[in-house]
């Protein structure tokens, strides 16, 4: 379901939902939003389990650190007890404070993760050009930068090998390969620009990927922020 949502509409709905979530202070709302984002990730065909695991581990550790910090050290009495080398005794109110802090970080992170892992970058740029009126030159530049990123590491390795063939020592943090790599990447970008101009990439060119806004897109853009707002008001 989440894969078929128009990227521009998804961006608007996620941004508005995030802003509304920032005005809520109930841990129950944070948990519901996080579970909803997990549902998006599980039902999406674009979610890479390995990438998701690599992201979730540090996010979970950060959320737990905020939880224990808000739980154990939420009052001046706890800090005073710690200063006197005594063990602080957290109360139920402190536990709720820790839940609010920990789940708040986790829910915001899950909104960003569910958006980034379920959105195709090419569809996103095409949607921005067609629905958000992004200048086509800017859209092509972003797409070129996305594709250029994968070549940076390879060009750096090639630059290191070229220097080593000439018996030029290369240290771990040497700037020589970086400088050579930047020159090659600038030349590559110029050649790409010329190739795109020769192929007729301009505002008059018809895009093969046509993005449209359907009823389910509007329901998502309106439903997600409204759900967060209703939950915050109901639980409050």
C-alpha atoms as a PDB file:
ATOM      1  CA  UNK A   1       0.000   0.000   0.000  1.00  0.00           C
ATOM      2  CA  UNK A   2       2.656   2.512   1.039  1.00  0.00           C
ATOM      3  CA  UNK A   3       4.636   1.852  -2.148  1.00  0.00           C
ATOM      4  CA  UNK A   4       1.787   3.060  -4.351  1.00  0.00           C
ATOM      5  CA  UNK A   5       1.396   6.431  -2.607  1.00  0.00           C
ATOM      6  CA  UNK A   6       2.468   9.414  -4.707  1.00  0.00           C
ATOM      7  CA  UNK A   7       5.895  10.542  -3.379  1.00  0.00           C
ATOM      8  CA  UNK A   8       4.972  14.240  -3.282  1.00  0.00           C
ATOM      9  CA  UNK A   9       1.773  13.523  -1.373  1.00  0.00           C
ATOM     10  CA  UNK A  10       3.670  11.148   0.898  1.00  0.00           C
ATOM     11  CA  UNK A  11       6.204  13.883   1.623  1.00  0.00           C
ATOM     12  CA  UNK A  12       3.491  16.402   2.492  1.00  0.00           C
ATOM     13  CA  UNK A  13       1.592  13.947   4.683  1.00  0.00           C
ATOM     14  CA  UNK A  14       4.730  12.830   6.518  1.00  0.00           C
ATOM     15  CA  UNK A  15       5.911  16.409   7.113  1.00  0.00           C
ATOM     16  CA  UNK A  16       2.541  17.555   8.448  1.00  0.00           C
ATOM     17  CA  UNK A  17       2.245  14.431  10.590  1.00  0.00           C
ATOM     18  CA  UNK A  18       5.720  15.025  12.011  1.00  0.00           C
ATOM     19  CA  UNK A  19       4.850  18.637  12.872  1.00  0.00           C
ATOM     20  CA  UNK A  20       1.638  17.561  14.613  1.00  0.00           C
ATOM     21  CA  UNK A  21       3.510  14.832  16.474  1.00  0.00           C
ATOM     22  CA  UNK A  22       5.871  17.512  17.776  1.00  0.00           C
ATOM     23  CA  UNK A  23       2.952  19.131  19.619  1.00  0.00           C
ATOM     24  CA  UNK A  24       1.906  15.906  21.359  1.00  0.00           C
ATOM     25  CA  UNK A  25       3.534  14.754  24.577  1.00  0.00           C
ATOM     26  CA  UNK A  26       1.945  11.353  25.226  1.00  0.00           C
ATOM     27  CA  UNK A  27       3.989   8.193  25.015  1.00  0.00           C
ATOM     28  CA  UNK A  28       0.917   6.244  23.846  1.00  0.00           C
ATOM     29  CA  UNK A  29       0.737   8.355  20.681  1.00  0.00           C
ATOM     30  CA  UNK A  30       4.440   7.838  20.052  1.00  0.00           C
ATOM     31  CA  UNK A  31       4.105   4.058  20.313  1.00  0.00           C
ATOM     32  CA  UNK A  32       1.076   3.961  17.993  1.00  0.00           C
ATOM     33  CA  UNK A  33       2.891   6.068  15.390  1.00  0.00           C
ATOM     34  CA  UNK A  34       5.981   3.866  15.650  1.00  0.00           C
ATOM     35  CA  UNK A  35       3.884   0.698  15.214  1.00  0.00           C
ATOM     36  CA  UNK A  36       2.155   2.247  12.211  1.00  0.00           C
ATOM     37  CA  UNK A  37       5.552   2.986  10.648  1.00  0.00           C
ATOM     38  CA  UNK A  38       6.629  -0.602  11.327  1.00  0.00           C
ATOM     39  CA  UNK A  39       3.495  -1.739   9.487  1.00  0.00           C
ATOM     40  CA  UNK A  40       4.478   0.448   6.528  1.00  0.00           C
ATOM     41  CA  UNK A  41       7.953  -1.080   6.474  1.00  0.00           C
ATOM     42  CA  UNK A  42       6.728  -4.667   6.784  1.00  0.00           C
ATOM     43  CA  UNK A  43       4.171  -4.323   3.988  1.00  0.00           C
ATOM     44  CA  UNK A  44       6.554  -2.504   1.633  1.00  0.00           C
ATOM     45  CA  UNK A  45       8.375  -4.452  -1.078  1.00  0.00           C
ATOM     46  CA  UNK A  46      11.151  -1.842  -1.143  1.00  0.00           C
ATOM     47  CA  UNK A  47      12.273  -2.385   2.425  1.00  0.00           C
ATOM     48  CA  UNK A  48      15.690  -4.034   2.636  1.00  0.00           C
ATOM     49  CA  UNK A  49      15.834  -6.064   5.879  1.00  0.00           C
ATOM     50  CA  UNK A  50      19.609  -5.670   6.168  1.00  0.00           C
ATOM     51  CA  UNK A  51      19.461  -1.897   5.771  1.00  0.00           C
ATOM     52  CA  UNK A  52      16.539  -1.685   8.178  1.00  0.00           C
ATOM     53  CA  UNK A  53      18.437  -3.702  10.792  1.00  0.00           C
ATOM     54  CA  UNK A  54      21.525  -1.513  10.481  1.00  0.00           C
ATOM     55  CA  UNK A  55      19.395   1.586  11.041  1.00  0.00           C
ATOM     56  CA  UNK A  56      17.220   0.175  13.802  1.00  0.00           C
ATOM     57  CA  UNK A  57      20.067  -0.903  16.087  1.00  0.00           C
ATOM     58  CA  UNK A  58      21.527   2.589  16.747  1.00  0.00           C
ATOM     59  CA  UNK A  59      18.045   4.187  16.833  1.00  0.00           C
ATOM     60  CA  UNK A  60      16.924   1.676  19.466  1.00  0.00           C
ATOM     61  CA  UNK A  61      20.044   2.249  21.568  1.00  0.00           C
ATOM     62  CA  UNK A  62      19.579   6.025  21.412  1.00  0.00           C
ATOM     63  CA  UNK A  63      15.913   5.702  22.386  1.00  0.00           C
ATOM     64  CA  UNK A  64      16.797   3.448  25.322  1.00  0.00           C
ATOM     65  CA  UNK A  65      19.444   5.893  26.500  1.00  0.00           C
ATOM     66  CA  UNK A  66      16.881   8.712  26.483  1.00  0.00           C
ATOM     67  CA  UNK A  67      14.403   6.469  28.283  1.00  0.00           C
ATOM     68  CA  UNK A  68      16.769   5.607  31.141  1.00  0.00           C
ATOM     69  CA  UNK A  69      17.996   9.193  31.356  1.00  0.00           C
ATOM     70  CA  UNK A  70      14.462  10.536  31.650  1.00  0.00           C
ATOM     71  CA  UNK A  71      13.473   7.787  34.061  1.00  0.00           C
ATOM     72  CA  UNK A  72      16.376   7.830  36.511  1.00  0.00           C
ATOM     73  CA  UNK A  73      17.569  11.439  36.280  1.00  0.00           C
ATOM     74  CA  UNK A  74      14.332  13.336  35.745  1.00  0.00           C
ATOM     75  CA  UNK A  75      14.330  15.373  38.971  1.00  0.00           C
ATOM     76  CA  UNK A  76      16.654  17.468  41.065  1.00  0.00           C
ATOM     77  CA  UNK A  77      16.385  14.945  43.897  1.00  0.00           C
ATOM     78  CA  UNK A  78      17.815  12.235  41.656  1.00  0.00           C
ATOM     79  CA  UNK A  79      20.738  14.433  40.643  1.00  0.00           C
ATOM     80  CA  UNK A  80      21.347  15.371  44.291  1.00  0.00           C
ATOM     81  CA  UNK A  81      21.334  11.692  45.283  1.00  0.00           C
ATOM     82  CA  UNK A  82      23.768  10.876  42.506  1.00  0.00           C
ATOM     83  CA  UNK A  83      26.080  13.677  43.641  1.00  0.00           C
ATOM     84  CA  UNK A  84      26.102  12.188  47.135  1.00  0.00           C
ATOM     85  CA  UNK A  85      26.993   8.720  45.826  1.00  0.00           C
ATOM     86  CA  UNK A  86      23.590   7.305  46.735  1.00  0.00           C
ATOM     87  CA  UNK A  87      21.211   5.362  44.530  1.00  0.00           C
ATOM     88  CA  UNK A  88      18.282   7.442  43.197  1.00  0.00           C
ATOM     89  CA  UNK A  89      14.812   5.957  43.571  1.00  0.00           C
ATOM     90  CA  UNK A  90      12.753   6.755  40.469  1.00  0.00           C
ATOM     91  CA  UNK A  91       8.994   7.069  40.868  1.00  0.00           C
ATOM     92  CA  UNK A  92       6.092   6.293  38.561  1.00  0.00           C
ATOM     93  CA  UNK A  93       6.087   9.858  37.286  1.00  0.00           C
ATOM     94  CA  UNK A  94       9.765   9.536  36.419  1.00  0.00           C
ATOM     95  CA  UNK A  95       9.021   6.321  34.528  1.00  0.00           C
ATOM     96  CA  UNK A  96       6.386   8.091  32.426  1.00  0.00           C
ATOM     97  CA  UNK A  97       8.852  10.898  31.766  1.00  0.00           C
ATOM     98  CA  UNK A  98      11.362   8.351  30.516  1.00  0.00           C
ATOM     99  CA  UNK A  99       8.719   6.756  28.295  1.00  0.00           C
ATOM    100  CA  UNK A 100       7.838  10.130  26.807  1.00  0.00           C
ATOM    101  CA  UNK A 101      11.457  10.905  25.967  1.00  0.00           C
ATOM    102  CA  UNK A 102      12.415   7.471  24.660  1.00  0.00           C
ATOM    103  CA  UNK A 103       9.309   6.852  22.560  1.00  0.00           C
ATOM    104  CA  UNK A 104       9.390  10.412  21.214  1.00  0.00           C
ATOM    105  CA  UNK A 105      12.844   9.912  19.717  1.00  0.00           C
ATOM    106  CA  UNK A 106      11.832   6.491  18.413  1.00  0.00           C
ATOM    107  CA  UNK A 107       8.591   7.676  16.773  1.00  0.00           C
ATOM    108  CA  UNK A 108      10.284  10.574  14.970  1.00  0.00           C
ATOM    109  CA  UNK A 109      13.013   8.235  13.749  1.00  0.00           C
ATOM    110  CA  UNK A 110      10.482   5.659  12.542  1.00  0.00           C
ATOM    111  CA  UNK A 111       8.623   8.296  10.536  1.00  0.00           C
ATOM    112  CA  UNK A 112      11.831   9.203   8.730  1.00  0.00           C
ATOM    113  CA  UNK A 113      12.887   5.582   8.250  1.00  0.00           C
ATOM    114  CA  UNK A 114       9.511   4.500   6.876  1.00  0.00           C
ATOM    115  CA  UNK A 115       9.553   7.419   4.464  1.00  0.00           C
ATOM    116  CA  UNK A 116      13.100   6.941   3.197  1.00  0.00           C
ATOM    117  CA  UNK A 117      13.031   3.155   2.822  1.00  0.00           C
ATOM    118  CA  UNK A 118       9.652   3.012   1.058  1.00  0.00           C
ATOM    119  CA  UNK A 119      10.233   5.861  -1.421  1.00  0.00           C
ATOM    120  CA  UNK A 120      11.959   5.347  -4.752  1.00  0.00           C
ATOM    121  CA  UNK A 121      14.305   8.303  -5.459  1.00  0.00           C
ATOM    122  CA  UNK A 122      13.546   8.341  -9.188  1.00  0.00           C
ATOM    123  CA  UNK A 123       9.791   8.383  -8.565  1.00  0.00           C
ATOM    124  CA  UNK A 124      10.301  11.092  -5.950  1.00  0.00           C
ATOM    125  CA  UNK A 125      12.127  13.421  -8.354  1.00  0.00           C
ATOM    126  CA  UNK A 126       9.649  12.699 -11.160  1.00  0.00           C
ATOM    127  CA  UNK A 127       6.786  13.481  -8.809  1.00  0.00           C
ATOM    128  CA  UNK A 128       8.431  16.695  -7.603  1.00  0.00           C
ATOM    129  CA  UNK A 129       8.864  17.805 -11.233  1.00  0.00           C
ATOM    130  CA  UNK A 130       5.294  16.981 -12.227  1.00  0.00           C
ATOM    131  CA  UNK A 131       3.271  17.733  -9.081  1.00  0.00           C
ATOM    132  CA  UNK A 132       5.452  20.137  -7.071  1.00  0.00           C
ATOM    133  CA  UNK A 133       6.602  22.148 -10.113  1.00  0.00           C
ATOM    134  CA  UNK A 134      10.277  21.586  -9.411  1.00  0.00           C
ATOM    135  CA  UNK A 135      12.456  23.004 -12.219  1.00  0.00           C
ATOM    136  CA  UNK A 136      13.414  20.180 -14.532  1.00  0.00           C
ATOM    137  CA  UNK A 137      17.081  21.195 -14.534  1.00  0.00           C
ATOM    138  CA  UNK A 138      17.157  20.913 -10.754  1.00  0.00           C
ATOM    139  CA  UNK A 139      15.489  17.511 -10.902  1.00  0.00           C
ATOM    140  CA  UNK A 140      17.987  16.227 -13.461  1.00  0.00           C
ATOM    141  CA  UNK A 141      20.839  17.601 -11.335  1.00  0.00           C
ATOM    142  CA  UNK A 142      19.589  15.719  -8.269  1.00  0.00           C
ATOM    143  CA  UNK A 143      19.228  12.492 -10.236  1.00  0.00           C
ATOM    144  CA  UNK A 144      22.721  12.922 -11.637  1.00  0.00           C
ATOM    145  CA  UNK A 145      24.075  13.501  -8.124  1.00  0.00           C
ATOM    146  CA  UNK A 146      22.333  10.341  -6.867  1.00  0.00           C
ATOM    147  CA  UNK A 147      23.886   8.270  -9.631  1.00  0.00           C
ATOM    148  CA  UNK A 148      27.216  10.030  -9.195  1.00  0.00           C
ATOM    149  CA  UNK A 149      27.436   9.034  -5.529  1.00  0.00           C
ATOM    150  CA  UNK A 150      27.981   5.373  -6.328  1.00  0.00           C
ATOM    151  CA  UNK A 151      30.967   6.274  -8.526  1.00  0.00           C
ATOM    152  CA  UNK A 152      32.839   8.331  -5.939  1.00  0.00           C
ATOM    153  CA  UNK A 153      34.303   5.397  -3.999  1.00  0.00           C
ATOM    154  CA  UNK A 154      35.276   3.583  -7.203  1.00  0.00           C
ATOM    155  CA  UNK A 155      36.983   6.682  -8.614  1.00  0.00           C
ATOM    156  CA  UNK A 156      38.876   7.168  -5.354  1.00  0.00           C
ATOM    157  CA  UNK A 157      40.146   3.590  -5.479  1.00  0.00           C
ATOM    158  CA  UNK A 158      41.195   4.058  -9.102  1.00  0.00           C
ATOM    159  CA  UNK A 159      43.044   7.242  -8.176  1.00  0.00           C
ATOM    160  CA  UNK A 160      44.912   5.426  -5.388  1.00  0.00           C
ATOM    161  CA  UNK A 161      45.890   2.609  -7.745  1.00  0.00           C
ATOM    162  CA  UNK A 162      47.114   5.113 -10.351  1.00  0.00           C
ATOM    163  CA  UNK A 163      49.355   6.802  -7.786  1.00  0.00           C
ATOM    164  CA  UNK A 164      50.695   3.492  -6.496  1.00  0.00           C
ATOM    165  CA  UNK A 165      51.570   2.369 -10.040  1.00  0.00           C
ATOM    166  CA  UNK A 166      53.774   5.469 -10.305  1.00  0.00           C
ATOM    167  CA  UNK A 167      55.479   4.515  -6.997  1.00  0.00           C
ATOM    168  CA  UNK A 168      53.907   7.484  -5.244  1.00  0.00           C
ATOM    169  CA  UNK A 169      53.197   6.598  -1.600  1.00  0.00           C
ATOM    170  CA  UNK A 170      49.549   7.041  -0.538  1.00  0.00           C
ATOM    171  CA  UNK A 171      48.799   7.498   3.156  1.00  0.00           C
ATOM    172  CA  UNK A 172      45.403   6.617   4.703  1.00  0.00           C
ATOM    173  CA  UNK A 173      44.285  10.262   4.858  1.00  0.00           C
ATOM    174  CA  UNK A 174      46.232  11.533   1.855  1.00  0.00           C
ATOM    175  CA  UNK A 175      44.494  14.203  -0.219  1.00  0.00           C
ATOM    176  CA  UNK A 176      46.197  13.276  -3.489  1.00  0.00           C
ATOM    177  CA  UNK A 177      43.630  10.600  -4.483  1.00  0.00           C
ATOM    178  CA  UNK A 178      40.792  12.919  -3.477  1.00  0.00           C
ATOM    179  CA  UNK A 179      42.130  15.748  -5.634  1.00  0.00           C
ATOM    180  CA  UNK A 180      42.548  13.422  -8.634  1.00  0.00           C
ATOM    181  CA  UNK A 181      39.101  11.976  -8.033  1.00  0.00           C
ATOM    182  CA  UNK A 182      37.498  15.444  -7.961  1.00  0.00           C
ATOM    183  CA  UNK A 183      39.090  16.353 -11.305  1.00  0.00           C
ATOM    184  CA  UNK A 184      37.780  13.151 -12.878  1.00  0.00           C
ATOM    185  CA  UNK A 185      34.305  13.667 -11.425  1.00  0.00           C
ATOM    186  CA  UNK A 186      34.140  17.238 -12.735  1.00  0.00           C
ATOM    187  CA  UNK A 187      35.086  16.015 -16.210  1.00  0.00           C
ATOM    188  CA  UNK A 188      32.536  13.198 -15.915  1.00  0.00           C
ATOM    189  CA  UNK A 189      29.804  15.667 -14.945  1.00  0.00           C
ATOM    190  CA  UNK A 190      30.669  17.904 -17.920  1.00  0.00           C
ATOM    191  CA  UNK A 191      30.450  14.950 -20.293  1.00  0.00           C
ATOM    192  CA  UNK A 192      27.136  13.933 -18.719  1.00  0.00           C
ATOM    193  CA  UNK A 193      25.782  17.464 -19.158  1.00  0.00           C
ATOM    194  CA  UNK A 194      26.753  17.497 -22.815  1.00  0.00           C
ATOM    195  CA  UNK A 195      25.215  14.065 -23.343  1.00  0.00           C
ATOM    196  CA  UNK A 196      21.947  15.149 -21.716  1.00  0.00           C
ATOM    197  CA  UNK A 197      21.783  18.282 -23.859  1.00  0.00           C
ATOM    198  CA  UNK A 198      22.419  16.256 -27.008  1.00  0.00           C
ATOM    199  CA  UNK A 199      19.574  13.908 -26.046  1.00  0.00           C
ATOM    200  CA  UNK A 200      17.188  16.843 -25.651  1.00  0.00           C
ATOM    201  CA  UNK A 201      16.756  16.850 -21.876  1.00  0.00           C
ATOM    202  CA  UNK A 202      14.813  20.074 -21.308  1.00  0.00           C
ATOM    203  CA  UNK A 203      11.460  21.390 -20.102  1.00  0.00           C
ATOM    204  CA  UNK A 204       9.933  20.432 -23.455  1.00  0.00           C
ATOM    205  CA  UNK A 205      10.905  16.774 -23.144  1.00  0.00           C
ATOM    206  CA  UNK A 206       8.116  14.352 -22.227  1.00  0.00           C
ATOM    207  CA  UNK A 207       8.904  12.192 -19.188  1.00  0.00           C
ATOM    208  CA  UNK A 208       8.404   8.453 -19.503  1.00  0.00           C
ATOM    209  CA  UNK A 209       7.573   8.088 -15.802  1.00  0.00           C
ATOM    210  CA  UNK A 210       4.178   9.736 -15.324  1.00  0.00           C
ATOM    211  CA  UNK A 211       3.133  10.311 -11.708  1.00  0.00           C
ATOM    212  CA  UNK A 212      -0.507  10.974 -10.832  1.00  0.00           C
ATOM    213  CA  UNK A 213      -2.418  11.809  -7.660  1.00  0.00           C
ATOM    214  CA  UNK A 214      -5.217   9.382  -6.840  1.00  0.00           C
ATOM    215  CA  UNK A 215      -7.827   9.154  -4.118  1.00  0.00           C
ATOM    216  CA  UNK A 216      -5.675   6.944  -1.899  1.00  0.00           C
ATOM    217  CA  UNK A 217      -2.928   9.566  -2.019  1.00  0.00           C
ATOM    218  CA  UNK A 218      -5.275  12.257  -0.705  1.00  0.00           C
ATOM    219  CA  UNK A 219      -6.527   9.888   1.985  1.00  0.00           C
ATOM    220  CA  UNK A 220      -2.957   9.259   3.116  1.00  0.00           C
ATOM    221  CA  UNK A 221      -1.991  12.949   3.155  1.00  0.00           C
ATOM    222  CA  UNK A 222      -5.087  13.825   5.183  1.00  0.00           C
ATOM    223  CA  UNK A 223      -5.453  10.632   7.198  1.00  0.00           C
ATOM    224  CA  UNK A 224      -1.978  10.351   8.709  1.00  0.00           C
ATOM    225  CA  UNK A 225      -1.853  13.875  10.218  1.00  0.00           C
ATOM    226  CA  UNK A 226      -5.490  13.639  11.301  1.00  0.00           C
ATOM    227  CA  UNK A 227      -4.878  10.287  12.999  1.00  0.00           C
ATOM    228  CA  UNK A 228      -1.955  11.709  14.975  1.00  0.00           C
ATOM    229  CA  UNK A 229      -3.967  14.802  15.907  1.00  0.00           C
ATOM    230  CA  UNK A 230      -7.007  12.777  17.009  1.00  0.00           C
ATOM    231  CA  UNK A 231      -4.863  10.409  19.068  1.00  0.00           C
ATOM    232  CA  UNK A 232      -3.083  13.313  20.753  1.00  0.00           C
ATOM    233  CA  UNK A 233      -6.376  15.018  21.578  1.00  0.00           C
ATOM    234  CA  UNK A 234      -8.106  11.811  22.726  1.00  0.00           C
ATOM    235  CA  UNK A 235      -5.287  10.614  24.987  1.00  0.00           C
ATOM    236  CA  UNK A 236      -4.685  14.113  26.356  1.00  0.00           C
END
